[in-house]
Amino acid sequence: MKFTCTSWSWPQLPFEDVVRVMSVLGFRAIDVGAFAGVAHFEPDEIARQPREMARLVADIRKRHAIVFSDLFVTFGVDLTDRCVNFPDRAVTDANIDTFRRITEFCTQAGIPGVTLCPGVEHGVLGRAGSLALAAEELARLSEVGYQAGLQVSFEPHLESITESPEEALKVVTSAPRLTLTLDYSHFVAQGYLESAIEPLVPHARHIHIRQAKSGTLQAHDDDGTIDFDRLLSVLQSLGYQGWIAFEYECNAWQGNNRSDVVTETALLKRRLSRFESPIDSLAAGVADETRR
């Protein structure tokens, strides 16, 4: 298993300082966050000057001998603003144009894939219509990514149009290029059993992990209920080749500011250390990537 960590775990720190913190915690790879007004890069700025922004982050990658494992990007400032399934074709067409330039940034920076949010339920469309539009737009976006040589996935999450495993499965199986960034915590917090989530695992190209329990999206290590040994064993049995991204966050959404990000990340990483690829093997891969 290849372990990575999310840059938005420390949104208050400059990106290069986040890289330093993660290096101290033993990570040699990073998921890059591009969330408008939050962390760490502005999507519109990336779209305006993709090559210049790619050079900036590539220089950081080389200085610290790390790998970029994914880019998580949103188009607007919250879950509804300019979301993937926004009920206005002019907005979704603009998202496609923005995404084309973001894929140029990714290819230049050495980022292999992109994670998107699936959108939300819109009153004018209803649940079924909102879900259908999400599937349609994610199919378009995944095709743009494919043409650029990138893998594109969406993350089913709380307050989204794919809150249930059934909705997530319906969307991911509707488009041939589309995959999942799978995070059990968003389902477990709603009370779903892990057995209900597991049908999604074969469709995952990226994994986010943090502890959770029913009613709590981000739980402490000694208080959560997710059986990560079981999840990682399932991934191994399926021959999973993607990354495992540690995603403890510090923000007010869903009470995520009640955890010590450093402590919880270190505890979970230690708990799962037997699954981690040997550091020498991963370091060789890092060296190959940073020479590009």
Protein backbone atom coordinates (compact mmCIF):
# COMPACT_ATOMS: atom_id res chain seq x y z
CA MET A 1 0.00 0.00 0.00
CA LYS A 2 1.23 3.49 -0.88
CA PHE A 3 0.51 6.05 1.84
CA THR A 4 -0.02 9.74 1.18
CA CYS A 5 -1.54 12.66 3.08
CA THR A 6 -3.84 15.56 2.18
CA SER A 7 -2.52 19.12 2.04
CA TRP A 8 -5.85 20.51 3.29
CA SER A 9 -5.25 18.77 6.61
CA TRP A 10 -3.32 21.95 7.45
CA PRO A 11 -5.12 24.73 5.53
CA GLN A 12 -3.63 27.44 7.76
CA LEU A 13 -0.08 26.64 6.66
CA PRO A 14 1.54 27.58 3.34
CA PHE A 15 1.75 24.61 1.00
CA GLU A 16 5.51 24.16 1.32
CA ASP A 17 5.24 24.15 5.12
CA VAL A 18 2.59 21.44 4.85
CA VAL A 19 5.05 19.39 2.82
CA ARG A 20 7.59 19.79 5.64
CA VAL A 21 5.09 18.68 8.30
CA MET A 22 4.14 15.64 6.27
CA SER A 23 7.78 14.73 5.75
CA VAL A 24 8.27 14.74 9.53
CA LEU A 25 5.31 12.36 9.81
CA GLY A 26 7.01 10.01 7.33
CA PHE A 27 5.03 10.73 4.15
CA ARG A 28 6.76 10.94 0.77
CA ALA A 29 3.66 11.89 -1.21
CA ILE A 30 0.92 14.53 -1.00
CA ASP A 31 -2.62 15.07 -2.25
CA VAL A 32 -2.87 18.68 -3.40
CA GLY A 33 -5.96 20.71 -2.49
CA ALA A 34 -7.36 23.46 -4.73
CA PHE A 35 -10.39 24.80 -2.89
CA ALA A 36 -11.46 28.36 -3.59
CA GLY A 37 -10.76 30.56 -0.60
CA VAL A 38 -9.64 27.66 1.60
CA ALA A 39 -6.53 25.70 0.62
CA HIS A 40 -4.03 25.63 -0.99
CA PHE A 41 -4.40 26.86 -4.54
CA GLU A 42 -7.17 28.84 -6.19
CA PRO A 43 -8.79 26.83 -9.02
CA ASP A 44 -9.40 29.93 -11.11
CA GLU A 45 -5.75 30.95 -10.76
CA ILE A 46 -4.64 27.50 -11.86
CA ALA A 47 -6.97 27.78 -14.86
CA ARG A 48 -5.66 31.24 -15.78
CA GLN A 49 -2.01 30.22 -15.76
CA PRO A 50 -1.72 26.42 -15.64
CA ARG A 51 1.89 26.18 -16.78
CA GLU A 52 3.18 28.84 -14.40
CA MET A 53 1.37 27.27 -11.44
CA ALA A 54 2.65 23.84 -12.47
CA ARG A 55 6.23 25.11 -12.43
CA LEU A 56 5.69 26.55 -8.95
CA VAL A 57 4.48 23.28 -7.42
CA ALA A 58 6.94 21.17 -9.43
CA ASP A 59 9.79 23.17 -7.90
CA ILE A 60 8.44 22.38 -4.42
CA ARG A 61 8.13 18.70 -5.37
CA LYS A 62 11.75 18.55 -6.48
CA ARG A 63 13.08 20.47 -3.47
CA HIS A 64 11.48 18.02 -1.08
CA ALA A 65 11.71 14.82 -3.19
CA ILE A 66 8.01 14.05 -2.94
CA VAL A 67 5.35 12.66 -5.26
CA PHE A 68 2.04 14.32 -6.03
CA SER A 69 -0.60 11.63 -5.62
CA ASP A 70 -3.80 13.51 -6.55
CA LEU A 71 -5.46 16.91 -7.00
CA PHE A 72 -8.76 17.59 -5.23
CA VAL A 73 -10.44 20.57 -6.86
CA THR A 74 -13.73 22.42 -6.53
CA PHE A 75 -15.00 25.03 -8.96
CA GLY A 76 -16.82 27.29 -6.49
CA VAL A 77 -16.48 28.58 -2.94
CA ASP A 78 -18.85 26.04 -1.35
CA LEU A 79 -20.67 22.81 -2.15
CA THR A 80 -23.36 24.56 -4.22
CA ASP A 81 -21.47 27.38 -5.97
CA ARG A 82 -20.60 26.33 -9.54
CA CYS A 83 -20.97 22.71 -8.45
CA VAL A 84 -20.57 19.86 -10.92
CA ASN A 85 -24.34 19.40 -11.37
CA PHE A 86 -25.29 23.09 -11.29
CA PRO A 87 -28.68 23.43 -13.07
CA ASP A 88 -27.46 25.93 -15.66
CA ARG A 89 -25.70 24.67 -18.78
CA ALA A 90 -23.68 27.88 -19.10
CA VAL A 91 -22.14 27.19 -15.67
CA THR A 92 -21.36 23.53 -16.35
CA ASP A 93 -19.89 24.39 -19.77
CA ALA A 94 -17.67 26.96 -18.03
CA ASN A 95 -16.65 24.24 -15.55
CA ILE A 96 -15.60 22.05 -18.47
CA ASP A 97 -13.45 24.85 -19.90
CA THR A 98 -11.88 25.47 -16.48
CA PHE A 99 -11.26 21.76 -16.05
CA ARG A 100 -9.45 21.50 -19.38
CA ARG A 101 -6.94 24.07 -18.16
CA ILE A 102 -6.67 22.34 -14.79
CA THR A 103 -5.79 19.08 -16.56
CA GLU A 104 -2.99 20.96 -18.31
CA PHE A 105 -1.71 22.03 -14.89
CA CYS A 106 -1.84 18.42 -13.68
CA THR A 107 0.05 16.99 -16.63
CA GLN A 108 2.73 19.67 -16.35
CA ALA A 109 3.04 19.27 -12.55
CA GLY A 110 3.12 15.46 -12.58
CA ILE A 111 -0.24 14.91 -10.87
CA PRO A 112 -1.80 11.64 -12.09
CA GLY A 113 -5.45 12.15 -11.20
CA VAL A 114 -8.18 14.52 -10.09
CA THR A 115 -10.90 14.19 -7.46
CA LEU A 116 -14.15 16.15 -7.78
CA CYS A 117 -17.24 16.62 -5.63
CA PRO A 118 -20.38 15.21 -7.31
CA GLY A 119 -22.71 18.15 -6.66
CA VAL A 120 -25.80 18.51 -4.53
CA GLU A 121 -29.57 18.11 -4.66
CA HIS A 122 -31.29 21.06 -6.36
CA GLY A 123 -34.91 21.86 -5.60
CA VAL A 124 -35.67 22.68 -9.23
CA LEU A 125 -34.47 19.24 -10.32
CA GLY A 126 -35.40 17.03 -7.37
CA ARG A 127 -33.28 14.14 -6.12
CA ALA A 128 -33.52 11.98 -9.24
CA GLY A 129 -32.91 14.84 -11.65
CA SER A 130 -29.96 16.14 -9.63
CA LEU A 131 -28.43 12.66 -9.57
CA ALA A 132 -28.90 12.23 -13.32
CA LEU A 133 -27.26 15.59 -14.02
CA ALA A 134 -24.35 14.72 -11.74
CA ALA A 135 -23.80 11.51 -13.68
CA GLU A 136 -23.97 13.37 -16.99
CA GLU A 137 -21.52 16.09 -15.98
CA LEU A 138 -19.08 13.73 -14.27
CA ALA A 139 -19.05 11.65 -17.46
CA ARG A 140 -18.14 14.78 -19.45
CA LEU A 141 -15.43 15.76 -17.00
CA SER A 142 -13.96 12.26 -16.84
CA GLU A 143 -13.73 12.22 -20.63
CA VAL A 144 -11.80 15.51 -20.58
CA GLY A 145 -9.46 13.99 -18.02
CA TYR A 146 -9.03 10.83 -20.08
CA GLN A 147 -8.09 12.86 -23.15
CA ALA A 148 -5.38 14.51 -21.04
CA GLY A 149 -4.10 11.17 -19.75
CA LEU A 150 -5.52 11.66 -16.24
CA GLN A 151 -7.77 9.54 -14.05
CA VAL A 152 -10.86 11.34 -12.77
CA SER A 153 -12.92 10.32 -9.76
CA PHE A 154 -15.58 11.80 -7.52
CA GLU A 155 -15.90 11.53 -3.77
CA PRO A 156 -19.32 10.57 -2.41
CA HIS A 157 -19.75 12.70 0.70
CA LEU A 158 -22.15 14.08 3.26
CA GLU A 159 -24.49 16.80 1.97
CA SER A 160 -23.87 15.70 -1.63
CA ILE A 161 -26.10 14.11 -4.25
CA THR A 162 -24.33 10.78 -3.59
CA GLU A 163 -24.77 10.44 0.16
CA SER A 164 -25.77 6.77 -0.06
CA PRO A 165 -23.68 3.86 -1.38
CA GLU A 166 -26.49 3.08 -3.84
CA GLU A 167 -26.41 6.59 -5.33
CA ALA A 168 -22.62 6.53 -5.56
CA LEU A 169 -22.68 3.15 -7.30
CA LYS A 170 -25.31 4.33 -9.77
CA VAL A 171 -23.21 7.33 -10.79
CA VAL A 172 -19.82 5.60 -10.99
CA THR A 173 -21.18 2.79 -13.14
CA SER A 174 -22.86 5.23 -15.53
CA ALA A 175 -19.65 6.45 -17.19
CA PRO A 176 -16.81 4.25 -18.50
CA ARG A 177 -13.99 6.66 -17.58
CA LEU A 178 -15.27 7.55 -14.11
CA THR A 179 -13.92 6.15 -10.84
CA LEU A 180 -14.27 6.82 -7.11
CA THR A 181 -12.28 8.54 -4.43
CA LEU A 182 -13.69 6.46 -1.61
CA ASP A 183 -13.91 7.65 1.99
CA TYR A 184 -15.75 5.32 4.36
CA SER A 185 -16.17 8.07 6.95
CA HIS A 186 -18.92 9.85 5.00
CA PHE A 187 -21.04 6.69 4.99
CA VAL A 188 -20.17 5.44 8.47
CA ALA A 189 -21.15 8.83 9.95
CA GLN A 190 -24.63 8.25 8.50
CA GLY A 191 -24.88 4.83 10.13
CA TYR A 192 -24.08 2.64 7.11
CA LEU A 193 -22.38 -0.67 7.83
CA GLU A 194 -19.04 -1.34 6.15
CA SER A 195 -20.58 -4.30 4.34
CA ALA A 196 -22.93 -1.83 2.60
CA ILE A 197 -19.97 0.28 1.47
CA GLU A 198 -17.80 -2.56 0.16
CA PRO A 199 -19.55 -2.87 -3.26
CA LEU A 200 -17.95 0.50 -4.04
CA VAL A 201 -14.38 -0.67 -3.37
CA PRO A 202 -13.77 -2.23 -6.84
CA HIS A 203 -14.56 1.15 -8.40
CA ALA A 204 -12.04 3.10 -6.27
CA ARG A 205 -8.88 4.56 -7.79
CA HIS A 206 -8.08 6.66 -4.68
CA ILE A 207 -8.84 6.16 -0.98
CA HIS A 208 -9.25 8.70 1.84
CA ILE A 209 -9.03 7.41 5.40
CA ARG A 210 -9.80 8.76 8.86
CA GLN A 211 -11.72 7.30 11.76
CA ALA A 212 -15.46 7.89 12.07
CA LYS A 213 -18.51 6.51 13.82
CA SER A 214 -22.26 6.86 13.51
CA GLY A 215 -23.06 10.54 14.00
CA THR A 216 -19.41 11.67 13.81
CA LEU A 217 -17.59 12.24 10.53
CA GLN A 218 -14.14 12.54 12.11
CA ALA A 219 -13.60 10.51 15.27
CA HIS A 220 -10.57 10.00 17.46
CA ASP A 221 -8.43 6.93 16.88
CA ASP A 222 -9.70 5.19 20.03
CA ASP A 223 -13.34 6.11 19.42
CA GLY A 224 -13.98 5.30 15.77
CA THR A 225 -15.55 2.14 14.39
CA ILE A 226 -14.01 1.74 10.91
CA ASP A 227 -12.08 -1.50 10.52
CA PHE A 228 -9.19 -0.29 8.37
CA ASP A 229 -7.42 -3.65 8.57
CA ARG A 230 -10.44 -5.11 6.82
CA LEU A 231 -10.56 -2.34 4.19
CA LEU A 232 -6.87 -2.54 3.34
CA SER A 233 -7.03 -6.34 3.22
CA VAL A 234 -9.92 -6.10 0.74
CA LEU A 235 -7.91 -3.64 -1.34
CA GLN A 236 -4.92 -5.98 -1.34
CA SER A 237 -7.10 -8.90 -2.43
CA LEU A 238 -8.35 -6.80 -5.37
CA GLY A 239 -4.84 -5.84 -6.40
CA TYR A 240 -5.43 -2.16 -5.65
CA GLN A 241 -2.61 -0.02 -7.08
CA GLY A 242 -3.72 3.42 -5.93
CA TRP A 243 -2.88 5.60 -2.95
CA ILE A 244 -4.18 5.56 0.62
CA ALA A 245 -4.58 9.22 1.64
CA PHE A 246 -4.74 10.15 5.33
CA GLU A 247 -7.34 12.92 5.55
CA TYR A 248 -7.79 14.28 9.04
CA GLU A 249 -8.96 17.87 8.72
CA CYS A 250 -9.19 20.99 10.88
CA ASN A 251 -12.26 22.97 9.87
CA ALA A 252 -15.68 23.76 11.30
CA TRP A 253 -17.62 21.65 8.78
CA GLN A 254 -19.25 18.64 10.49
CA GLY A 255 -17.22 19.37 13.65
CA ASN A 256 -13.89 18.52 12.06
CA ASN A 257 -12.13 21.05 14.30
CA ARG A 258 -12.36 18.83 17.37
CA SER A 259 -9.36 16.66 16.46
CA ASP A 260 -5.60 17.06 16.72
CA VAL A 261 -4.69 16.44 13.09
CA VAL A 262 -1.03 15.64 13.74
CA THR A 263 -1.77 13.18 16.56
CA GLU A 264 -4.61 11.38 14.80
CA THR A 265 -2.64 11.10 11.55
CA ALA A 266 0.40 9.71 13.38
CA LEU A 267 -1.66 7.22 15.39
CA LEU A 268 -3.52 5.85 12.37
CA LYS A 269 -0.34 5.69 10.29
CA ARG A 270 1.37 3.70 13.04
CA ARG A 271 -1.65 1.41 13.36
CA LEU A 272 -1.56 0.62 9.63
CA SER A 273 2.21 0.50 9.25
CA ARG A 274 2.22 -3.21 8.40
CA PHE A 275 0.36 -2.41 5.17
CA GLU A 276 2.73 0.37 4.07
CA SER A 277 5.15 -0.12 1.20
CA PRO A 278 8.79 -0.29 2.36
CA ILE A 279 10.23 3.20 2.50
CA ASP A 280 13.18 2.26 0.27
CA SER A 281 10.82 1.02 -2.44
CA LEU A 282 8.69 4.14 -2.26
CA ALA A 283 11.76 6.39 -2.17
CA ALA A 284 12.92 4.88 -5.44
CA GLY A 285 9.58 5.78 -6.97
CA VAL A 286 9.83 9.29 -5.58
CA ALA A 287 13.26 9.70 -7.15
CA ASP A 288 11.92 8.55 -10.52
CA GLU A 289 9.01 11.00 -10.32
CA THR A 290 11.03 14.01 -9.20
CA ARG A 291 13.51 13.59 -12.08
CA ARG A 292 10.69 14.09 -14.60
